[in-house]
Protein backbone atom coordinates (compact mmCIF):
# COMPACT_ATOMS: atom_id res chain seq x y z
CA UNK A 1 18.92 -14.90 -20.89
CA UNK A 2 16.08 -13.58 -18.48
CA UNK A 3 14.60 -10.01 -19.88
CA UNK A 4 13.30 -7.60 -16.78
CA UNK A 5 11.85 -4.42 -18.50
CA UNK A 6 10.18 -1.68 -16.16
CA UNK A 7 8.21 1.29 -17.32
CA UNK A 8 6.80 4.39 -14.80
CA UNK A 9 4.84 7.08 -15.04
CA UNK A 10 6.45 10.07 -12.64
CA UNK A 11 4.50 12.36 -10.41
CA UNK A 12 5.51 15.80 -11.70
CA UNK A 13 7.18 16.96 -8.46
CA UNK A 14 8.62 14.56 -6.24
CA UNK A 15 11.23 15.20 -3.43
CA UNK A 16 11.26 18.63 -4.37
CA UNK A 17 12.25 17.98 -7.91
CA UNK A 18 10.57 17.89 -11.17
CA UNK A 19 9.36 15.27 -13.12
CA UNK A 20 11.97 15.40 -15.96
CA UNK A 21 14.89 15.70 -13.22
CA UNK A 22 13.68 12.35 -11.17
CA UNK A 23 13.60 10.65 -14.37
CA UNK A 24 17.68 11.99 -15.10
CA UNK A 25 17.89 10.71 -11.45
CA UNK A 26 16.50 7.14 -11.60
CA UNK A 27 18.36 7.06 -15.15
CA UNK A 28 22.21 7.88 -13.50
CA UNK A 29 21.07 5.28 -10.67
CA UNK A 30 19.85 2.50 -12.90
CA UNK A 31 22.48 2.54 -15.61
CA UNK A 32 25.04 2.42 -13.12
CA UNK A 33 24.22 -0.97 -11.42
CA UNK A 34 25.48 -3.22 -13.49
CA UNK A 35 29.43 -1.84 -12.37
CA UNK A 36 27.84 -2.45 -8.60
CA UNK A 37 25.84 -6.02 -9.31
CA UNK A 38 27.88 -8.53 -11.22
CA UNK A 39 24.81 -10.58 -11.72
CA UNK A 40 23.48 -7.59 -14.38
CA UNK A 41 24.94 -8.27 -17.51
CA UNK A 42 22.98 -4.74 -18.70
CA UNK A 43 20.63 -2.09 -17.29
CA UNK A 44 19.55 0.13 -20.83
CA UNK A 45 17.30 3.29 -19.21
CA UNK A 46 15.17 5.68 -21.84
CA UNK A 47 13.43 8.71 -20.78
CA UNK A 48 10.23 9.47 -23.09
CA UNK A 49 10.53 12.50 -25.50
CA UNK A 50 7.38 12.21 -26.39
CA UNK A 51 4.95 14.83 -24.93
CA UNK A 52 1.23 13.83 -24.26
CA UNK A 53 -1.71 12.71 -21.92
CA UNK A 54 -2.16 9.50 -23.14
CA UNK A 55 -2.59 6.80 -20.46
CA UNK A 56 -0.37 4.71 -23.08
CA UNK A 57 3.16 7.08 -21.99
CA UNK A 58 5.04 6.34 -20.03
CA UNK A 59 8.39 8.31 -18.59
CA UNK A 60 11.11 6.08 -18.31
CA UNK A 61 11.75 2.71 -19.23
CA UNK A 62 14.00 0.06 -17.91
CA UNK A 63 15.76 -3.02 -19.60
CA UNK A 64 17.71 -5.36 -17.89
CA UNK A 65 19.29 -8.49 -18.62
CA UNK A 66 20.53 -11.26 -16.67
CA UNK A 67 22.00 -14.78 -17.26
CA UNK A 68 19.06 -16.83 -14.86
CA UNK A 69 15.96 -16.00 -12.90
CA UNK A 70 18.59 -16.67 -9.85
CA UNK A 71 20.23 -13.91 -10.72
CA UNK A 72 17.73 -11.47 -11.36
CA UNK A 73 16.47 -12.29 -7.64
CA UNK A 74 20.05 -11.69 -6.33
CA UNK A 75 19.82 -8.53 -8.45
CA UNK A 76 16.52 -7.58 -6.76
CA UNK A 77 17.59 -8.09 -3.34
CA UNK A 78 21.14 -6.35 -3.56
CA UNK A 79 21.44 -3.47 -1.40
CA UNK A 80 22.40 -1.19 -4.24
CA UNK A 81 19.52 -2.02 -6.03
CA UNK A 82 17.16 -1.32 -2.77
CA UNK A 83 18.48 2.20 -2.83
CA UNK A 84 17.54 2.91 -6.09
CA UNK A 85 14.25 1.35 -5.14
CA UNK A 86 13.33 3.70 -2.40
CA UNK A 87 14.10 6.68 -4.42
CA UNK A 88 12.26 5.59 -7.19
CA UNK A 89 9.11 4.24 -5.33
CA UNK A 90 8.73 7.99 -3.81
CA UNK A 91 8.74 9.48 -7.67
CA UNK A 92 6.48 7.46 -9.46
CA UNK A 93 2.52 7.70 -9.84
CA UNK A 94 2.88 3.74 -11.76
CA UNK A 95 4.71 1.07 -12.56
CA UNK A 96 4.34 -2.04 -15.02
CA UNK A 97 6.78 -4.92 -15.15
CA UNK A 98 7.42 -7.47 -17.57
CA UNK A 99 10.09 -10.40 -17.28
CA UNK A 100 10.56 -12.89 -20.18
CA UNK A 101 13.03 -15.28 -21.24
CA UNK A 102 15.08 -14.39 -24.28
């Protein structure tokens, strides 16, 4: 099993929406992906609940599970994922990623 974790810091305003609104849009888009991409076993999105200006605090986190690295690559290239990526890139100011074998 491969775990793919992505954490983002969002812009205060992007695409005419607030950080909180964009976080909810991202959550919906990303959590819908397992129903569209059979290689995804699960996708969980969390929106940060703590306030503060710490550099360590991210706004949104995604945890995805796939059976193999090949499945992760299929997910990454899938048109529905790319649609989400296109939106997310407009809303994000920082991104961190970790992929590991569980």
